[in-house]
Amino acid sequence: MQFVHYDLGHLDQGDVVEVTLDSRAVVRLVDEANFRIYRSGGRYRFFGGEAIRSPIPVEVPHSGRWHVAIDFNGGSGQVRSSVNVLSRA
């Protein structure tokens, strides 16, 4: 599976992850456990979805270690991206 990965480290509940893309793609904000499942191809839970316009804000639902995975939902392609974390504090 081809995807762009950002390891965001520890984030607090209520922080906002803002993802900027130059083309349409799927943005998935996943915690540590779900990221491992995502990489192995199993069923996992994520926040975000298909990004039609940019930037895409996604709120962190609980504190912990978080990752952003950007892909084309099984397809192939290229995307330039950046991630910015907006702290709620």
N, C-alpha and C. Protein backbone atom coordinates (compact mmCIF):
# COMPACT_ATOMS: atom_id res chain seq x y z
N MET A 1 0.85 -1.18 0.00
CA MET A 1 0.00 0.00 0.00
C MET A 1 0.90 1.24 0.00
N GLN A 2 0.54 2.18 -0.84
CA GLN A 2 1.30 3.42 -0.94
C GLN A 2 0.54 4.53 -0.21
N PHE A 3 1.25 5.23 0.71
CA PHE A 3 0.62 6.32 1.43
C PHE A 3 1.69 7.27 1.94
N VAL A 4 1.26 8.50 2.24
CA VAL A 4 2.12 9.49 2.86
C VAL A 4 1.84 9.43 4.36
N HIS A 5 2.91 9.43 5.16
CA HIS A 5 2.76 9.26 6.60
C HIS A 5 3.38 10.42 7.37
N TYR A 6 2.66 10.89 8.37
CA TYR A 6 3.17 11.87 9.32
C TYR A 6 2.97 11.31 10.72
N ASP A 7 4.06 11.16 11.48
CA ASP A 7 3.97 10.76 12.88
C ASP A 7 3.90 12.05 13.68
N LEU A 8 2.76 12.30 14.29
CA LEU A 8 2.52 13.56 14.99
C LEU A 8 2.94 13.52 16.46
N GLY A 9 3.31 12.35 16.94
CA GLY A 9 3.66 12.24 18.35
C GLY A 9 2.43 12.40 19.23
N HIS A 10 2.65 12.82 20.46
CA HIS A 10 1.55 12.97 21.41
C HIS A 10 0.77 14.25 21.12
N LEU A 11 -0.54 14.10 21.02
CA LEU A 11 -1.45 15.25 20.88
C LEU A 11 -2.50 15.16 21.97
N ASP A 12 -3.03 16.31 22.33
CA ASP A 12 -4.07 16.38 23.36
C ASP A 12 -5.46 16.44 22.74
N GLN A 13 -6.42 15.92 23.47
CA GLN A 13 -7.81 16.00 23.05
C GLN A 13 -8.16 17.46 22.77
N GLY A 14 -8.81 17.71 21.65
CA GLY A 14 -9.21 19.06 21.28
C GLY A 14 -8.23 19.78 20.37
N ASP A 15 -6.97 19.28 20.26
CA ASP A 15 -6.05 19.84 19.28
C ASP A 15 -6.65 19.64 17.89
N VAL A 16 -6.26 20.48 16.95
CA VAL A 16 -6.76 20.35 15.58
C VAL A 16 -5.57 20.10 14.66
N VAL A 17 -5.69 19.04 13.86
CA VAL A 17 -4.69 18.71 12.86
C VAL A 17 -5.20 19.26 11.54
N GLU A 18 -4.42 20.16 10.95
CA GLU A 18 -4.81 20.80 9.70
C GLU A 18 -3.91 20.26 8.58
N VAL A 19 -4.53 19.59 7.61
CA VAL A 19 -3.79 18.96 6.51
C VAL A 19 -4.06 19.76 5.24
N THR A 20 -2.98 20.15 4.56
CA THR A 20 -3.06 20.89 3.31
C THR A 20 -2.60 19.97 2.18
N LEU A 21 -3.38 19.89 1.11
CA LEU A 21 -3.09 19.03 -0.03
C LEU A 21 -3.12 19.82 -1.32
N ASP A 22 -2.39 19.34 -2.33
CA ASP A 22 -2.46 19.99 -3.64
C ASP A 22 -3.38 19.23 -4.61
N SER A 23 -3.94 18.10 -4.17
CA SER A 23 -4.89 17.35 -5.00
C SER A 23 -5.80 16.53 -4.10
N ARG A 24 -6.83 15.99 -4.68
CA ARG A 24 -7.81 15.20 -3.95
C ARG A 24 -7.17 13.91 -3.43
N ALA A 25 -7.44 13.58 -2.16
CA ALA A 25 -6.91 12.36 -1.55
C ALA A 25 -7.74 12.05 -0.30
N VAL A 26 -7.43 10.94 0.34
CA VAL A 26 -8.10 10.56 1.58
C VAL A 26 -7.15 10.83 2.74
N VAL A 27 -7.64 11.59 3.71
CA VAL A 27 -6.87 11.95 4.90
C VAL A 27 -7.40 11.12 6.06
N ARG A 28 -6.50 10.40 6.73
CA ARG A 28 -6.90 9.57 7.86
C ARG A 28 -6.06 9.95 9.09
N LEU A 29 -6.73 10.41 10.12
CA LEU A 29 -6.09 10.66 11.40
C LEU A 29 -6.35 9.42 12.25
N VAL A 30 -5.27 8.73 12.65
CA VAL A 30 -5.41 7.48 13.38
C VAL A 30 -4.50 7.47 14.61
N ASP A 31 -4.99 6.85 15.67
CA ASP A 31 -4.14 6.70 16.85
C ASP A 31 -3.14 5.57 16.60
N GLU A 32 -2.25 5.36 17.56
CA GLU A 32 -1.16 4.40 17.39
C GLU A 32 -1.67 2.99 17.07
N ALA A 33 -2.62 2.49 17.85
CA ALA A 33 -3.12 1.13 17.64
C ALA A 33 -3.78 0.98 16.27
N ASN A 34 -4.59 1.95 15.88
CA ASN A 34 -5.27 1.88 14.58
C ASN A 34 -4.30 2.07 13.42
N PHE A 35 -3.21 2.80 13.63
CA PHE A 35 -2.22 2.95 12.56
C PHE A 35 -1.55 1.60 12.26
N ARG A 36 -1.25 0.84 13.30
CA ARG A 36 -0.66 -0.49 13.09
C ARG A 36 -1.63 -1.38 12.29
N ILE A 37 -2.90 -1.31 12.62
CA ILE A 37 -3.91 -2.11 11.91
C ILE A 37 -4.03 -1.63 10.46
N TYR A 38 -4.05 -0.32 10.25
CA TYR A 38 -4.11 0.27 8.90
C TYR A 38 -2.97 -0.27 8.04
N ARG A 39 -1.76 -0.26 8.59
CA ARG A 39 -0.59 -0.72 7.84
C ARG A 39 -0.66 -2.21 7.52
N SER A 40 -1.30 -2.99 8.37
CA SER A 40 -1.39 -4.43 8.13
C SER A 40 -2.60 -4.81 7.27
N GLY A 41 -3.45 -3.83 6.94
CA GLY A 41 -4.59 -4.10 6.06
C GLY A 41 -5.85 -4.56 6.75
N GLY A 42 -5.90 -4.47 8.07
CA GLY A 42 -7.10 -4.88 8.81
C GLY A 42 -8.13 -3.76 8.91
N ARG A 43 -9.19 -4.03 9.65
CA ARG A 43 -10.24 -3.02 9.87
C ARG A 43 -9.81 -2.11 11.01
N TYR A 44 -9.93 -0.82 10.80
CA TYR A 44 -9.44 0.16 11.76
C TYR A 44 -10.41 1.33 11.81
N ARG A 45 -10.22 2.17 12.81
CA ARG A 45 -11.05 3.37 12.96
C ARG A 45 -10.18 4.59 12.69
N PHE A 46 -10.75 5.55 11.96
CA PHE A 46 -10.00 6.77 11.65
C PHE A 46 -10.94 7.96 11.68
N PHE A 47 -10.34 9.15 11.66
CA PHE A 47 -11.07 10.40 11.62
C PHE A 47 -10.58 11.15 10.38
N GLY A 48 -11.46 11.83 9.70
CA GLY A 48 -11.11 12.51 8.46
C GLY A 48 -11.97 11.97 7.34
N GLY A 49 -11.36 11.74 6.18
CA GLY A 49 -12.08 11.20 5.03
C GLY A 49 -11.56 11.80 3.74
N GLU A 50 -12.37 11.67 2.69
CA GLU A 50 -11.95 12.19 1.39
C GLU A 50 -11.89 13.71 1.43
N ALA A 51 -10.75 14.22 1.04
CA ALA A 51 -10.53 15.67 1.05
C ALA A 51 -10.80 16.23 -0.34
N ILE A 52 -11.85 16.98 -0.46
CA ILE A 52 -12.22 17.60 -1.73
C ILE A 52 -11.62 18.98 -1.85
N ARG A 53 -11.48 19.67 -0.72
CA ARG A 53 -10.83 20.98 -0.72
C ARG A 53 -9.84 21.04 0.44
N SER A 54 -8.97 21.98 0.40
CA SER A 54 -7.88 22.07 1.36
C SER A 54 -7.83 23.47 1.94
N PRO A 55 -7.43 23.65 3.19
CA PRO A 55 -6.97 22.65 4.16
C PRO A 55 -8.13 21.90 4.81
N ILE A 56 -7.80 20.76 5.39
CA ILE A 56 -8.77 19.90 6.05
C ILE A 56 -8.46 19.90 7.54
N PRO A 57 -9.37 20.44 8.36
CA PRO A 57 -9.15 20.38 9.81
C PRO A 57 -9.78 19.12 10.40
N VAL A 58 -9.05 18.43 11.27
CA VAL A 58 -9.58 17.25 11.95
C VAL A 58 -9.25 17.39 13.43
N GLU A 59 -10.27 17.34 14.27
CA GLU A 59 -10.06 17.48 15.71
C GLU A 59 -9.63 16.16 16.32
N VAL A 60 -8.66 16.22 17.22
CA VAL A 60 -8.16 15.04 17.92
C VAL A 60 -9.19 14.66 18.99
N PRO A 61 -9.76 13.44 18.92
CA PRO A 61 -10.83 13.07 19.84
C PRO A 61 -10.38 12.68 21.24
N HIS A 62 -9.13 12.22 21.38
CA HIS A 62 -8.61 11.87 22.71
C HIS A 62 -7.09 12.00 22.70
N SER A 63 -6.52 12.23 23.86
CA SER A 63 -5.07 12.39 23.97
C SER A 63 -4.37 11.07 23.69
N GLY A 64 -3.18 11.17 23.09
CA GLY A 64 -2.38 9.99 22.79
C GLY A 64 -1.46 10.27 21.62
N ARG A 65 -0.82 9.22 21.12
CA ARG A 65 0.06 9.34 19.97
C ARG A 65 -0.79 9.19 18.70
N TRP A 66 -0.58 10.12 17.74
CA TRP A 66 -1.41 10.18 16.53
C TRP A 66 -0.55 10.19 15.27
N HIS A 67 -1.17 9.72 14.19
CA HIS A 67 -0.55 9.66 12.87
C HIS A 67 -1.54 10.18 11.84
N VAL A 68 -1.01 10.75 10.76
CA VAL A 68 -1.82 11.08 9.59
C VAL A 68 -1.33 10.19 8.46
N ALA A 69 -2.26 9.53 7.79
CA ALA A 69 -1.97 8.75 6.59
C ALA A 69 -2.80 9.36 5.46
N ILE A 70 -2.14 9.63 4.35
CA ILE A 70 -2.80 10.20 3.18
C ILE A 70 -2.63 9.21 2.04
N ASP A 71 -3.75 8.81 1.44
CA ASP A 71 -3.68 7.84 0.34
C ASP A 71 -4.77 8.09 -0.68
N PHE A 72 -4.88 7.19 -1.63
CA PHE A 72 -5.87 7.32 -2.70
C PHE A 72 -6.88 6.19 -2.65
N ASN A 73 -7.17 5.71 -1.45
CA ASN A 73 -8.19 4.69 -1.22
C ASN A 73 -7.97 3.45 -2.08
N GLY A 74 -6.74 2.99 -2.11
CA GLY A 74 -6.40 1.79 -2.87
C GLY A 74 -5.85 2.08 -4.25
N GLY A 75 -6.07 3.29 -4.74
CA GLY A 75 -5.55 3.68 -6.05
C GLY A 75 -4.13 4.22 -5.92
N SER A 76 -3.62 4.72 -7.01
CA SER A 76 -2.28 5.29 -6.98
C SER A 76 -2.35 6.75 -7.40
N GLY A 77 -1.33 7.48 -7.06
CA GLY A 77 -1.27 8.89 -7.40
C GLY A 77 -0.18 9.56 -6.59
N GLN A 78 -0.07 10.85 -6.77
CA GLN A 78 0.89 11.64 -6.02
C GLN A 78 0.18 12.84 -5.43
N VAL A 79 0.65 13.23 -4.27
CA VAL A 79 0.08 14.39 -3.61
C VAL A 79 1.19 15.08 -2.83
N ARG A 80 1.20 16.38 -2.90
CA ARG A 80 2.07 17.17 -2.01
C ARG A 80 1.21 17.57 -0.84
N SER A 81 1.79 17.47 0.35
CA SER A 81 0.99 17.72 1.54
C SER A 81 1.83 18.34 2.64
N SER A 82 1.14 18.94 3.58
CA SER A 82 1.77 19.43 4.80
C SER A 82 0.76 19.30 5.93
N VAL A 83 1.29 19.20 7.14
CA VAL A 83 0.44 19.04 8.33
C VAL A 83 0.86 20.06 9.36
N ASN A 84 -0.13 20.70 9.96
CA ASN A 84 0.10 21.67 11.00
C ASN A 84 -0.82 21.32 12.17
N VAL A 85 -0.29 21.33 13.39
CA VAL A 85 -1.09 21.05 14.57
C VAL A 85 -1.40 22.35 15.27
N LEU A 86 -2.67 22.61 15.47
CA LEU A 86 -3.14 23.80 16.17
C LEU A 86 -3.53 23.38 17.57
N SER A 87 -2.77 23.78 18.55
CA SER A 87 -3.00 23.39 19.93
C SER A 87 -4.22 24.11 20.48
N ARG A 88 -4.99 23.41 21.26
CA ARG A 88 -6.18 24.04 21.87
C ARG A 88 -5.80 24.94 23.02
N ALA A 89 -4.57 24.78 23.53
CA ALA A 89 -4.12 25.56 24.69
C ALA A 89 -3.78 26.98 24.30
